[in-house]
Structures are given as structure tokens and as C-alpha cells.
Amino acid sequence: MFEDLKREVLQAALESYREGLFAGTSGNLSIYDRKNGVMIITPTNLPYEGMKEKDLVAINLQGEVIDGIHAPSSEWRLHAAVYAAREDCNAVVHTHSPYATSFAVTHEEIPLILIEMVPFLGGNVRVAKFAINGTPEVGTYAVEALEKRFACLLANHGAMAIGADLAKAKLSAVYLEDAAKIYAFARNHGEVKILSKDVELAMRKKYNLD
């Protein structure tokens, strides 16, 4: 069942692992089939190397397994909370990418330093309040931080990006790590210049984000 969606999730998961967005068994991603109310998500505690389509799990937003031989990612509640709150979101990529996660550890938002951050991230990147992984609060706080955004940091945990489809969510995850890396480098070179509110508003209007 759900072969096409599983194939898409597997490909994105393996790419994310090779690109350093995931490490070990950390990180997870999913697609939401909104019409049928089914989420396809990576399994819990299974190494990405050697992962197959049959290892992916289909669940509903209550966490009930519809199809699969493994338990879903322990962070399924995070994904479910976002899908329930954001009708524009049909894919979630939760990473432990090092530069973005370093700001999650220091509880520092990534300010609007690049014009590309508006179309791909929605603007500056906020930090969601800390919650124990796997709890409903992780999703609640992430939804708050994601208001009018496509990415956020999870305090002392990692980062996440969302999108209308998996390709867009993964691209936002890549841009999030890139922005975090550039911000880290820039702070070592001198004073960081943040884009003005006027520039942000102009970019949001250009990309129809309001």
C-alpha cells in the first residue's frame, strides 16, 4: 500500500542522510495525504543506510498504524500537530543539521540576513520553546514558532521545515541549514547587518506570502 508515497519519502530520507541533514538514526520526515488522512513517516530507530520502502510507516494523525512493519518515528506527534494546524502543509522534515541545531541549543533565532530566507523560510527563523521529544508539547510549540513561517528551530533538539510538498519542505530544510551556517560565519567576521522591515515587506509582497 502507498507505494508511490513511500518511494518519495524514502528517496528524500536517503538524500537528507547523505547531505548531513540527518545523522545516525536522528531526524525524520513525512508526507501527509490530506485527502485520505494518511501520513507516511520514517520509522523509529532504524538506520537510514539499508532502509527500504517496506520500512516506512503509514499512520493517521492519532498515531494509529495503518500500514507498516515498524513503529513510526517517535516524533509523529510533531508532524501530526503541524498537519492539523497548517492546511498549506503536506510535508515535514525534522533535522538535526549541525549549524541550525547549534542555534537551537543556544536558543537564538536566525534573523533575516538573506533575501532568500523570505520565500524559502518565510522570514526570520524562530526558536520553539523546549519540550521533551515525543510529547504533544513539541508539536504545540513548533506550531507557534511556525506562524507565517516554513521553518523553525526546536530548543535543545533540532530544526524543522515544512512545505506544500516534500520537495519544498526539504528545500526549505536545506536553506535553513545554509542560512544558519552563513549567520555563524558572518558573526565571526564582524557586525551582522539584518535586512530592514521594508525589505521584508517588499519580499513578502513579491512572493504573495501575506
N, C-alpha and C. Protein backbone atom coordinates (compact mmCIF):
# COMPACT_ATOMS: atom_id res chain seq x y z
N MET A 1 0.83 -1.20 0.00
CA MET A 1 0.00 0.00 0.00
C MET A 1 0.88 1.26 0.00
N PHE A 2 0.37 2.35 -0.60
CA PHE A 2 1.02 3.67 -0.57
C PHE A 2 2.42 3.64 -1.18
N GLU A 3 2.63 2.80 -2.20
CA GLU A 3 3.96 2.61 -2.77
C GLU A 3 4.58 3.91 -3.27
N ASP A 4 3.81 4.73 -3.99
CA ASP A 4 4.36 5.96 -4.56
C ASP A 4 4.81 6.92 -3.46
N LEU A 5 3.99 7.08 -2.43
CA LEU A 5 4.34 7.99 -1.33
C LEU A 5 5.54 7.45 -0.56
N LYS A 6 5.58 6.15 -0.34
CA LYS A 6 6.72 5.56 0.37
C LYS A 6 8.01 5.75 -0.42
N ARG A 7 7.92 5.60 -1.72
CA ARG A 7 9.10 5.78 -2.57
C ARG A 7 9.61 7.21 -2.45
N GLU A 8 8.70 8.18 -2.44
CA GLU A 8 9.08 9.58 -2.34
C GLU A 8 9.72 9.88 -0.98
N VAL A 9 9.14 9.34 0.07
CA VAL A 9 9.67 9.57 1.42
C VAL A 9 11.05 8.92 1.56
N LEU A 10 11.20 7.72 1.07
CA LEU A 10 12.48 7.03 1.17
C LEU A 10 13.57 7.80 0.43
N GLN A 11 13.28 8.24 -0.77
CA GLN A 11 14.28 8.99 -1.53
C GLN A 11 14.72 10.24 -0.80
N ALA A 12 13.76 10.98 -0.25
CA ALA A 12 14.09 12.21 0.47
C ALA A 12 14.87 11.92 1.76
N ALA A 13 14.51 10.83 2.43
CA ALA A 13 15.21 10.46 3.67
C ALA A 13 16.67 10.10 3.38
N LEU A 14 16.90 9.31 2.33
CA LEU A 14 18.27 8.92 1.99
C LEU A 14 19.08 10.14 1.54
N GLU A 15 18.46 11.02 0.78
CA GLU A 15 19.15 12.26 0.37
C GLU A 15 19.51 13.10 1.58
N SER A 16 18.59 13.23 2.52
CA SER A 16 18.83 14.03 3.72
C SER A 16 19.96 13.46 4.54
N TYR A 17 20.03 12.14 4.61
CA TYR A 17 21.11 11.48 5.34
C TYR A 17 22.45 11.74 4.67
N ARG A 18 22.50 11.59 3.35
CA ARG A 18 23.75 11.79 2.62
C ARG A 18 24.20 13.25 2.68
N GLU A 19 23.25 14.18 2.75
CA GLU A 19 23.56 15.61 2.77
C GLU A 19 23.89 16.13 4.17
N GLY A 20 23.81 15.27 5.17
CA GLY A 20 24.16 15.68 6.52
C GLY A 20 23.04 16.36 7.29
N LEU A 21 21.82 16.33 6.75
CA LEU A 21 20.68 16.88 7.50
C LEU A 21 20.28 15.93 8.62
N PHE A 22 20.51 14.63 8.42
CA PHE A 22 20.26 13.60 9.43
C PHE A 22 21.61 13.02 9.84
N ALA A 23 21.67 12.42 11.03
CA ALA A 23 22.87 11.73 11.49
C ALA A 23 22.44 10.50 12.29
N GLY A 24 23.10 9.38 12.06
CA GLY A 24 22.71 8.16 12.76
C GLY A 24 21.28 7.78 12.41
N THR A 25 20.46 7.67 13.44
CA THR A 25 19.04 7.42 13.21
C THR A 25 18.21 8.66 13.52
N SER A 26 18.88 9.78 13.74
CA SER A 26 18.17 11.01 14.09
C SER A 26 17.51 11.63 12.87
N GLY A 27 16.55 12.49 13.13
CA GLY A 27 15.82 13.14 12.06
C GLY A 27 14.68 12.26 11.57
N ASN A 28 13.70 12.88 10.98
CA ASN A 28 12.56 12.14 10.44
C ASN A 28 11.83 13.04 9.46
N LEU A 29 11.10 12.43 8.56
CA LEU A 29 10.32 13.22 7.61
C LEU A 29 9.05 12.47 7.23
N SER A 30 8.10 13.21 6.70
CA SER A 30 6.82 12.60 6.37
C SER A 30 6.13 13.36 5.25
N ILE A 31 5.17 12.68 4.66
CA ILE A 31 4.22 13.27 3.70
C ILE A 31 2.83 13.03 4.27
N TYR A 32 1.95 14.00 4.07
CA TYR A 32 0.56 13.82 4.51
C TYR A 32 -0.36 13.79 3.31
N ASP A 33 -1.05 12.67 3.14
CA ASP A 33 -2.10 12.53 2.13
C ASP A 33 -3.37 13.08 2.76
N ARG A 34 -3.58 14.37 2.54
CA ARG A 34 -4.67 15.07 3.23
C ARG A 34 -6.05 14.53 2.83
N LYS A 35 -6.18 14.12 1.59
CA LYS A 35 -7.47 13.61 1.11
C LYS A 35 -7.89 12.36 1.88
N ASN A 36 -6.92 11.49 2.15
CA ASN A 36 -7.23 10.22 2.82
C ASN A 36 -6.86 10.21 4.30
N GLY A 37 -6.30 11.32 4.79
CA GLY A 37 -5.95 11.40 6.20
C GLY A 37 -4.85 10.45 6.62
N VAL A 38 -3.88 10.21 5.72
CA VAL A 38 -2.81 9.25 5.98
C VAL A 38 -1.45 9.94 5.90
N MET A 39 -0.63 9.71 6.91
CA MET A 39 0.73 10.21 6.96
C MET A 39 1.70 9.06 6.70
N ILE A 40 2.64 9.27 5.78
CA ILE A 40 3.72 8.32 5.56
C ILE A 40 4.96 8.90 6.23
N ILE A 41 5.51 8.19 7.20
CA ILE A 41 6.61 8.72 8.00
C ILE A 41 7.71 7.68 8.16
N THR A 42 8.92 8.15 8.37
CA THR A 42 10.05 7.25 8.60
C THR A 42 9.86 6.51 9.93
N PRO A 43 10.42 5.31 10.05
CA PRO A 43 10.26 4.52 11.28
C PRO A 43 11.19 5.00 12.39
N THR A 44 10.94 4.54 13.59
CA THR A 44 11.77 4.93 14.73
C THR A 44 13.00 4.03 14.84
N ASN A 45 14.14 4.66 15.17
CA ASN A 45 15.38 3.94 15.49
C ASN A 45 15.81 2.93 14.44
N LEU A 46 15.69 3.32 13.18
CA LEU A 46 16.15 2.43 12.10
C LEU A 46 17.18 3.20 11.28
N PRO A 47 18.40 2.65 11.12
CA PRO A 47 19.44 3.33 10.35
C PRO A 47 18.98 3.61 8.92
N TYR A 48 19.36 4.77 8.39
CA TYR A 48 18.95 5.14 7.04
C TYR A 48 19.65 4.27 6.00
N GLU A 49 20.89 3.94 6.27
CA GLU A 49 21.59 3.04 5.36
C GLU A 49 20.89 1.68 5.41
N GLY A 50 20.41 1.24 4.29
CA GLY A 50 19.70 -0.03 4.25
C GLY A 50 18.20 0.09 4.40
N MET A 51 17.69 1.30 4.65
CA MET A 51 16.25 1.49 4.77
C MET A 51 15.57 1.23 3.43
N LYS A 52 14.43 0.53 3.48
CA LYS A 52 13.68 0.19 2.28
C LYS A 52 12.27 0.78 2.36
N GLU A 53 11.57 0.75 1.23
CA GLU A 53 10.20 1.26 1.20
C GLU A 53 9.32 0.54 2.21
N LYS A 54 9.53 -0.76 2.38
CA LYS A 54 8.70 -1.54 3.31
C LYS A 54 8.88 -1.11 4.76
N ASP A 55 9.96 -0.38 5.05
CA ASP A 55 10.22 0.05 6.42
C ASP A 55 9.44 1.30 6.81
N LEU A 56 8.91 2.02 5.82
CA LEU A 56 8.17 3.24 6.11
C LEU A 56 6.79 2.90 6.65
N VAL A 57 6.23 3.83 7.41
CA VAL A 57 5.01 3.54 8.17
C VAL A 57 3.90 4.52 7.76
N ALA A 58 2.70 3.99 7.56
CA ALA A 58 1.52 4.80 7.29
C ALA A 58 0.67 4.86 8.56
N ILE A 59 0.38 6.07 9.02
CA ILE A 59 -0.44 6.25 10.22
C ILE A 59 -1.46 7.36 9.98
N ASN A 60 -2.43 7.46 10.88
CA ASN A 60 -3.32 8.61 10.85
C ASN A 60 -2.80 9.64 11.85
N LEU A 61 -3.49 10.76 11.97
CA LEU A 61 -3.00 11.83 12.84
C LEU A 61 -3.14 11.50 14.32
N GLN A 62 -3.77 10.39 14.64
CA GLN A 62 -3.86 9.93 16.03
C GLN A 62 -2.76 8.91 16.35
N GLY A 63 -1.93 8.63 15.36
CA GLY A 63 -0.81 7.71 15.57
C GLY A 63 -1.13 6.25 15.36
N GLU A 64 -2.32 5.94 14.88
CA GLU A 64 -2.69 4.54 14.65
C GLU A 64 -2.04 4.05 13.35
N VAL A 65 -1.35 2.92 13.42
CA VAL A 65 -0.66 2.38 12.26
C VAL A 65 -1.68 1.77 11.29
N ILE A 66 -1.62 2.24 10.06
CA ILE A 66 -2.50 1.75 9.00
C ILE A 66 -1.77 0.70 8.16
N ASP A 67 -0.47 0.96 7.98
CA ASP A 67 0.33 0.02 7.19
C ASP A 67 1.79 0.18 7.61
N GLY A 68 2.46 -0.95 7.85
CA GLY A 68 3.86 -0.90 8.19
C GLY A 68 4.26 -1.99 9.15
N ILE A 69 5.56 -2.34 9.13
CA ILE A 69 6.08 -3.41 9.99
C ILE A 69 6.86 -2.86 11.18
N HIS A 70 7.01 -1.52 11.23
CA HIS A 70 7.75 -0.89 12.33
C HIS A 70 6.85 0.13 13.04
N ALA A 71 7.31 0.58 14.18
CA ALA A 71 6.66 1.71 14.84
C ALA A 71 7.06 2.99 14.12
N PRO A 72 6.17 3.98 14.06
CA PRO A 72 6.52 5.24 13.42
C PRO A 72 7.55 6.01 14.24
N SER A 73 8.16 6.99 13.64
CA SER A 73 9.08 7.87 14.37
C SER A 73 8.45 8.33 15.68
N SER A 74 9.27 8.42 16.70
CA SER A 74 8.76 8.89 18.00
C SER A 74 8.27 10.32 17.92
N GLU A 75 8.63 11.03 16.85
CA GLU A 75 8.20 12.42 16.69
C GLU A 75 6.95 12.55 15.82
N TRP A 76 6.18 11.49 15.68
CA TRP A 76 4.99 11.57 14.83
C TRP A 76 4.02 12.63 15.33
N ARG A 77 3.99 12.87 16.65
CA ARG A 77 3.07 13.89 17.18
C ARG A 77 3.45 15.29 16.70
N LEU A 78 4.73 15.53 16.54
CA LEU A 78 5.19 16.81 15.98
C LEU A 78 4.63 17.00 14.58
N HIS A 79 4.77 15.99 13.75
CA HIS A 79 4.27 16.06 12.38
C HIS A 79 2.74 16.23 12.37
N ALA A 80 2.06 15.44 13.18
CA ALA A 80 0.60 15.47 13.21
C ALA A 80 0.08 16.84 13.63
N ALA A 81 0.75 17.46 14.61
CA ALA A 81 0.31 18.78 15.09
C ALA A 81 0.41 19.82 13.99
N VAL A 82 1.48 19.75 13.21
CA VAL A 82 1.66 20.71 12.12
C VAL A 82 0.62 20.48 11.03
N TYR A 83 0.37 19.23 10.67
CA TYR A 83 -0.62 18.94 9.64
C TYR A 83 -2.01 19.40 10.07
N ALA A 84 -2.32 19.24 11.35
CA ALA A 84 -3.63 19.64 11.85
C ALA A 84 -3.79 21.16 11.85
N ALA A 85 -2.69 21.87 12.08
CA ALA A 85 -2.76 23.33 12.23
C ALA A 85 -2.57 24.08 10.92
N ARG A 86 -1.85 23.46 9.98
CA ARG A 86 -1.48 24.16 8.74
C ARG A 86 -2.01 23.42 7.52
N GLU A 87 -3.09 23.93 6.95
CA GLU A 87 -3.66 23.29 5.77
C GLU A 87 -2.79 23.46 4.53
N ASP A 88 -1.85 24.40 4.60
CA ASP A 88 -0.94 24.61 3.47
C ASP A 88 0.25 23.66 3.52
N CYS A 89 0.33 22.84 4.55
CA CYS A 89 1.48 21.96 4.75
C CYS A 89 1.10 20.50 4.51
N ASN A 90 1.87 19.84 3.63
CA ASN A 90 1.65 18.42 3.36
C ASN A 90 2.95 17.61 3.48
N ALA A 91 3.99 18.24 4.03
CA ALA A 91 5.25 17.54 4.24
C ALA A 91 6.02 18.21 5.36
N VAL A 92 6.70 17.40 6.17
CA VAL A 92 7.51 17.89 7.29
C VAL A 92 8.86 17.20 7.25
N VAL A 93 9.92 18.00 7.41
CA VAL A 93 11.28 17.48 7.50
C VAL A 93 11.88 17.97 8.81
N HIS A 94 12.14 17.04 9.72
CA HIS A 94 12.72 17.38 11.02
C HIS A 94 14.16 16.91 11.02
N THR A 95 15.10 17.86 11.13
CA THR A 95 16.52 17.53 11.01
C THR A 95 17.27 17.82 12.30
N HIS A 96 18.49 17.30 12.34
CA HIS A 96 19.46 17.66 13.38
C HIS A 96 20.68 18.26 12.70
N SER A 97 20.48 19.00 11.63
CA SER A 97 21.58 19.60 10.89
C SER A 97 22.39 20.50 11.82
N PRO A 98 23.72 20.39 11.79
CA PRO A 98 24.56 20.95 12.87
C PRO A 98 24.51 22.46 13.05
N TYR A 99 24.54 23.23 11.98
CA TYR A 99 24.55 24.68 12.16
C TYR A 99 23.21 25.18 12.69
N ALA A 100 22.12 24.70 12.11
CA ALA A 100 20.81 25.11 12.60
C ALA A 100 20.61 24.66 14.04
N THR A 101 21.00 23.43 14.34
CA THR A 101 20.80 22.90 15.68
C THR A 101 21.66 23.63 16.70
N SER A 102 22.81 24.15 16.28
CA SER A 102 23.64 24.91 17.22
C SER A 102 22.91 26.15 17.73
N PHE A 103 22.10 26.77 16.88
CA PHE A 103 21.30 27.92 17.32
C PHE A 103 20.11 27.47 18.16
N ALA A 104 19.60 26.27 17.89
CA ALA A 104 18.54 25.71 18.73
C ALA A 104 19.07 25.48 20.14
N VAL A 105 20.34 25.10 20.24
CA VAL A 105 20.95 24.84 21.54
C VAL A 105 21.17 26.13 22.33
N THR A 106 21.50 27.22 21.63
CA THR A 106 21.70 28.49 22.31
C THR A 106 20.40 29.31 22.41
N HIS A 107 19.31 28.76 21.87
CA HIS A 107 18.00 29.43 21.90
C HIS A 107 18.05 30.79 21.20
N GLU A 108 18.78 30.85 20.09
CA GLU A 108 18.90 32.09 19.32
C GLU A 108 18.17 31.95 18.00
N GLU A 109 17.31 32.89 17.69
CA GLU A 109 16.68 32.88 16.38
C GLU A 109 17.71 33.28 15.33
N ILE A 110 17.45 32.91 14.10
CA ILE A 110 18.28 33.33 12.98
C ILE A 110 17.57 34.51 12.32
N PRO A 111 18.15 35.69 12.42
CA PRO A 111 17.47 36.87 11.89
C PRO A 111 17.43 36.86 10.36
N LEU A 112 16.69 37.79 9.81
CA LEU A 112 16.54 37.89 8.36
C LEU A 112 17.79 38.53 7.78
N ILE A 113 18.73 37.69 7.36
CA ILE A 113 20.01 38.18 6.85
C ILE A 113 20.15 37.98 5.34
N LEU A 114 19.28 37.18 4.76
CA LEU A 114 19.35 36.86 3.33
C LEU A 114 17.97 37.03 2.71
N ILE A 115 17.90 37.60 1.52
CA ILE A 115 16.59 37.78 0.89
C ILE A 115 15.93 36.43 0.60
N GLU A 116 16.76 35.39 0.37
CA GLU A 116 16.21 34.07 0.08
C GLU A 116 15.45 33.47 1.26
N MET A 117 15.71 33.99 2.44
CA MET A 117 15.03 33.47 3.62
C MET A 117 13.54 33.76 3.59
N VAL A 118 13.12 34.79 2.86
CA VAL A 118 11.69 35.12 2.81
C VAL A 118 10.91 34.07 2.01
N PRO A 119 11.25 33.80 0.75
CA PRO A 119 10.45 32.81 0.01
C PRO A 119 10.62 31.38 0.50
N PHE A 120 11.80 31.03 1.02
CA PHE A 120 12.05 29.63 1.37
C PHE A 120 11.82 29.32 2.85
N LEU A 121 11.94 30.32 3.72
CA LEU A 121 11.75 30.10 5.15
C LEU A 121 10.61 30.92 5.73
N GLY A 122 10.14 31.91 4.98
CA GLY A 122 9.06 32.76 5.45
C GLY A 122 9.54 33.98 6.20
N GLY A 123 10.86 34.12 6.39
CA GLY A 123 11.42 35.25 7.13
C GLY A 123 12.46 34.77 8.12
N ASN A 124 12.55 35.47 9.25
CA ASN A 124 13.49 35.03 10.29
C ASN A 124 13.05 33.68 10.83
N VAL A 125 13.98 32.99 11.47
CA VAL A 125 13.69 31.64 11.97
C VAL A 125 13.61 31.68 13.49
N ARG A 126 12.43 31.42 14.02
CA ARG A 126 12.20 31.48 15.46
C ARG A 126 12.60 30.17 16.14
N VAL A 127 12.73 30.25 17.46
CA VAL A 127 13.02 29.06 18.26
C VAL A 127 11.77 28.65 19.03
N ALA A 128 11.31 27.44 18.79
CA ALA A 128 10.17 26.92 19.55
C ALA A 128 10.61 26.60 20.98
N LYS A 129 9.75 26.81 21.93
CA LYS A 129 10.06 26.52 23.32
C LYS A 129 10.42 25.05 23.51
N PHE A 130 11.22 24.79 24.53
CA PHE A 130 11.67 23.42 24.77
C PHE A 130 10.54 22.52 25.27
N ALA A 131 10.56 21.30 24.78
CA ALA A 131 9.66 20.25 25.28
C ALA A 131 10.37 18.91 25.07
N ILE A 132 10.05 17.96 25.91
CA ILE A 132 10.64 16.63 25.80
C ILE A 132 10.23 16.01 24.46
N ASN A 133 11.20 15.42 23.77
CA ASN A 133 10.89 14.84 22.46
C ASN A 133 9.83 13.75 22.57
N GLY A 134 8.97 13.72 21.57
CA GLY A 134 7.90 12.73 21.54
C GLY A 134 6.63 13.13 22.26
N THR A 135 6.65 14.28 22.94
CA THR A 135 5.47 14.71 23.68
C THR A 135 4.61 15.63 22.81
N PRO A 136 3.32 15.76 23.12
CA PRO A 136 2.47 16.66 22.35
C PRO A 136 2.94 18.11 22.37
N GLU A 137 3.62 18.50 23.46
CA GLU A 137 4.07 19.89 23.58
C GLU A 137 5.07 20.27 22.49
N VAL A 138 5.86 19.31 22.03
CA VAL A 138 6.81 19.61 20.95
C VAL A 138 6.06 20.16 19.74
N GLY A 139 4.96 19.52 19.39
CA GLY A 139 4.16 19.98 18.27
C GLY A 139 3.48 21.30 18.54
N THR A 140 2.95 21.46 19.75
CA THR A 140 2.26 22.70 20.11
C THR A 140 3.19 23.90 19.98
N TYR A 141 4.39 23.78 20.52
CA TYR A 141 5.34 24.89 20.49
C TYR A 141 5.88 25.13 19.08
N ALA A 142 6.04 24.05 18.31
CA ALA A 142 6.51 24.21 16.93
C ALA A 142 5.49 24.97 16.10
N VAL A 143 4.23 24.65 16.26
CA VAL A 143 3.17 25.34 15.51
C VAL A 143 3.20 26.84 15.82
N GLU A 144 3.42 27.19 17.07
CA GLU A 144 3.52 28.60 17.45
C GLU A 144 4.68 29.29 16.72
N ALA A 145 5.84 28.62 16.72
CA ALA A 145 7.03 29.21 16.09
C ALA A 145 6.92 29.26 14.57
N LEU A 146 6.08 28.43 14.01
CA LEU A 146 5.92 28.35 12.56
C LEU A 146 4.87 29.31 12.00
N GLU A 147 4.29 30.13 12.83
CA GLU A 147 3.27 31.05 12.32
C GLU A 147 3.85 31.92 11.21
N LYS A 148 3.27 31.86 10.03
CA LYS A 148 3.71 32.58 8.83
C LYS A 148 5.15 32.23 8.47
N ARG A 149 5.59 31.05 8.80
CA ARG A 149 6.95 30.61 8.51
C ARG A 149 6.93 29.19 7.92
N PHE A 150 8.02 28.83 7.26
CA PHE A 150 8.18 27.48 6.71
C PHE A 150 9.28 26.70 7.43
N ALA A 151 9.83 27.28 8.48
CA ALA A 151 10.89 26.60 9.23
C ALA A 151 10.98 27.19 10.62
N CYS A 152 11.49 26.39 11.55
CA CYS A 152 11.75 26.87 12.89
C CYS A 152 12.83 26.00 13.52
N LEU A 153 13.35 26.46 14.64
CA LEU A 153 14.28 25.69 15.44
C LEU A 153 13.53 25.11 16.63
N LEU A 154 13.96 23.96 17.10
CA LEU A 154 13.37 23.31 18.27
C LEU A 154 14.39 23.35 19.38
N ALA A 155 14.10 24.08 20.44
CA ALA A 155 15.08 24.34 21.50
C ALA A 155 15.73 23.05 22.01
N ASN A 156 17.06 23.06 22.03
CA ASN A 156 17.86 21.92 22.51
C ASN A 156 17.52 20.60 21.83
N HIS A 157 17.12 20.69 20.58
CA HIS A 157 16.63 19.49 19.90
C HIS A 157 17.08 19.43 18.44
N GLY A 158 16.64 20.37 17.64
CA GLY A 158 16.97 20.31 16.22
C GLY A 158 16.27 21.40 15.46
N ALA A 159 15.90 21.09 14.23
CA ALA A 159 15.26 22.06 13.35
C ALA A 159 14.19 21.37 12.55
N MET A 160 13.32 22.15 11.95
CA MET A 160 12.31 21.55 11.10
C MET A 160 11.89 22.51 10.01
N ALA A 161 11.45 21.94 8.90
CA ALA A 161 10.95 22.72 7.78
C ALA A 161 9.69 22.05 7.26
N ILE A 162 8.80 22.86 6.70
CA ILE A 162 7.54 22.35 6.19
C ILE A 162 7.31 22.87 4.78
N GLY A 163 6.38 22.23 4.07
CA GLY A 163 6.08 22.70 2.73
C GLY A 163 4.80 22.10 2.19
N ALA A 164 4.36 22.63 1.07
CA ALA A 164 3.16 22.11 0.41
C ALA A 164 3.38 20.70 -0.09
N ASP A 165 4.65 20.37 -0.38
CA ASP A 165 5.01 19.01 -0.77
C ASP A 165 6.40 18.72 -0.22
N LEU A 166 6.85 17.49 -0.39
CA LEU A 166 8.10 17.08 0.23
C LEU A 166 9.30 17.78 -0.40
N ALA A 167 9.26 18.02 -1.69
CA ALA A 167 10.37 18.70 -2.36
C ALA A 167 10.56 20.10 -1.78
N LYS A 168 9.45 20.81 -1.54
CA LYS A 168 9.54 22.16 -0.98
C LYS A 168 9.98 22.13 0.47
N ALA A 169 9.49 21.19 1.24
CA ALA A 169 9.89 21.09 2.65
C ALA A 169 11.37 20.78 2.76
N LYS A 170 11.86 19.87 1.95
CA LYS A 170 13.27 19.51 2.00
C LYS A 170 14.14 20.68 1.55
N LEU A 171 13.71 21.40 0.51
CA LEU A 171 14.46 22.56 0.05
C LEU A 171 14.53 23.61 1.15
N SER A 172 13.45 23.81 1.88
CA SER A 172 13.46 24.75 2.99
C SER A 172 14.42 24.29 4.08
N ALA A 173 14.49 22.99 4.32
CA ALA A 173 15.43 22.46 5.31
C ALA A 173 16.87 22.74 4.90
N VAL A 174 17.14 22.62 3.61
CA VAL A 174 18.48 22.92 3.10
C VAL A 174 18.80 24.41 3.25
N TYR A 175 17.85 25.26 2.91
CA TYR A 175 18.06 26.70 3.05
C TYR A 175 18.20 27.10 4.52
N LEU A 176 17.50 26.42 5.41
CA LEU A 176 17.63 26.70 6.84
C LEU A 176 19.05 26.44 7.31
N GLU A 177 19.60 25.28 6.96
CA GLU A 177 20.97 24.97 7.35
C GLU A 177 21.95 25.94 6.72
N ASP A 178 21.72 26.32 5.48
CA ASP A 178 22.59 27.26 4.79
C ASP A 178 22.56 28.63 5.46
N ALA A 179 21.38 29.10 5.81
CA ALA A 179 21.26 30.40 6.49
C ALA A 179 21.95 30.37 7.85
N ALA A 180 21.79 29.26 8.58
CA ALA A 180 22.44 29.14 9.89
C ALA A 180 23.96 29.15 9.75
N LYS A 181 24.47 28.47 8.73
CA LYS A 181 25.92 28.42 8.50
C LYS A 181 26.46 29.81 8.15
N ILE A 182 25.77 30.51 7.26
CA ILE A 182 26.20 31.84 6.86
C ILE A 182 26.15 32.80 8.05
N TYR A 183 25.10 32.70 8.86
CA TYR A 183 24.98 33.56 10.03
C TYR A 183 26.12 33.30 11.01
N ALA A 184 26.46 32.03 11.22
CA ALA A 184 27.55 31.68 12.12
C ALA A 184 28.87 32.24 11.60
N PHE A 185 29.12 32.10 10.31
CA PHE A 185 30.35 32.64 9.72
C PHE A 185 30.38 34.16 9.82
N ALA A 186 29.25 34.80 9.49
CA ALA A 186 29.19 36.25 9.46
C ALA A 186 29.47 36.85 10.83
N ARG A 187 28.99 36.21 11.88
CA ARG A 187 29.21 36.74 13.23
C ARG A 187 30.68 36.72 13.60
N ASN A 188 31.44 35.81 13.00
CA ASN A 188 32.88 35.76 13.26
C ASN A 188 33.66 36.79 12.46
N HIS A 189 33.01 37.36 11.42
CA HIS A 189 33.70 38.32 10.56
C HIS A 189 33.43 39.77 10.97
N GLY A 190 32.37 40.00 11.70
CA GLY A 190 32.05 41.37 12.07
C GLY A 190 30.60 41.53 12.42
N GLU A 191 30.11 42.77 12.36
CA GLU A 191 28.73 43.06 12.71
C GLU A 191 27.79 42.57 11.61
N VAL A 192 26.79 41.82 12.00
CA VAL A 192 25.83 41.28 11.05
C VAL A 192 24.79 42.36 10.73
N LYS A 193 24.54 42.56 9.46
CA LYS A 193 23.55 43.54 9.02
C LYS A 193 22.25 42.81 8.68
N ILE A 194 21.21 43.11 9.42
CA ILE A 194 19.92 42.46 9.22
C ILE A 194 19.10 43.27 8.23
N LEU A 195 18.39 42.58 7.35
CA LEU A 195 17.56 43.26 6.37
C LEU A 195 16.45 44.06 7.05
N SER A 196 16.11 45.19 6.47
CA SER A 196 15.13 46.08 7.07
C SER A 196 13.72 45.51 6.95
N LYS A 197 12.84 46.06 7.75
CA LYS A 197 11.43 45.66 7.70
C LYS A 197 10.83 45.99 6.34
N ASP A 198 11.24 47.11 5.75
CA ASP A 198 10.72 47.48 4.44
C ASP A 198 11.10 46.44 3.37
N VAL A 199 12.32 45.95 3.45
CA VAL A 199 12.77 44.92 2.51
C VAL A 199 11.97 43.64 2.72
N GLU A 200 11.77 43.29 3.99
CA GLU A 200 10.99 42.08 4.28
C GLU A 200 9.58 42.19 3.73
N LEU A 201 8.93 43.32 3.95
CA LEU A 201 7.57 43.50 3.47
C LEU A 201 7.51 43.46 1.95
N ALA A 202 8.50 44.06 1.29
CA ALA A 202 8.55 44.04 -0.17
C ALA A 202 8.71 42.62 -0.70
N MET A 203 9.57 41.84 -0.03
CA MET A 203 9.78 40.46 -0.45
C MET A 203 8.54 39.60 -0.20
N ARG A 204 7.89 39.83 0.92
CA ARG A 204 6.66 39.08 1.21
C ARG A 204 5.58 39.40 0.18
N LYS A 205 5.51 40.65 -0.23
CA LYS A 205 4.53 41.04 -1.26
C LYS A 205 4.90 40.41 -2.60
N LYS A 206 6.19 40.38 -2.90
CA LYS A 206 6.65 39.80 -4.18
C LYS A 206 6.26 38.35 -4.30
N TYR A 207 6.34 37.61 -3.17
CA TYR A 207 6.06 36.17 -3.19
C TYR A 207 4.68 35.82 -2.65
N ASN A 208 3.83 36.85 -2.50
CA ASN A 208 2.43 36.63 -2.08
C ASN A 208 2.34 35.82 -0.78
N LEU A 209 3.10 36.25 0.22
CA LEU A 209 3.16 35.50 1.47
C LEU A 209 2.23 36.04 2.54
N ASP A 210 1.51 37.11 2.27
CA ASP A 210 0.59 37.65 3.26
C ASP A 210 -0.86 37.57 2.77
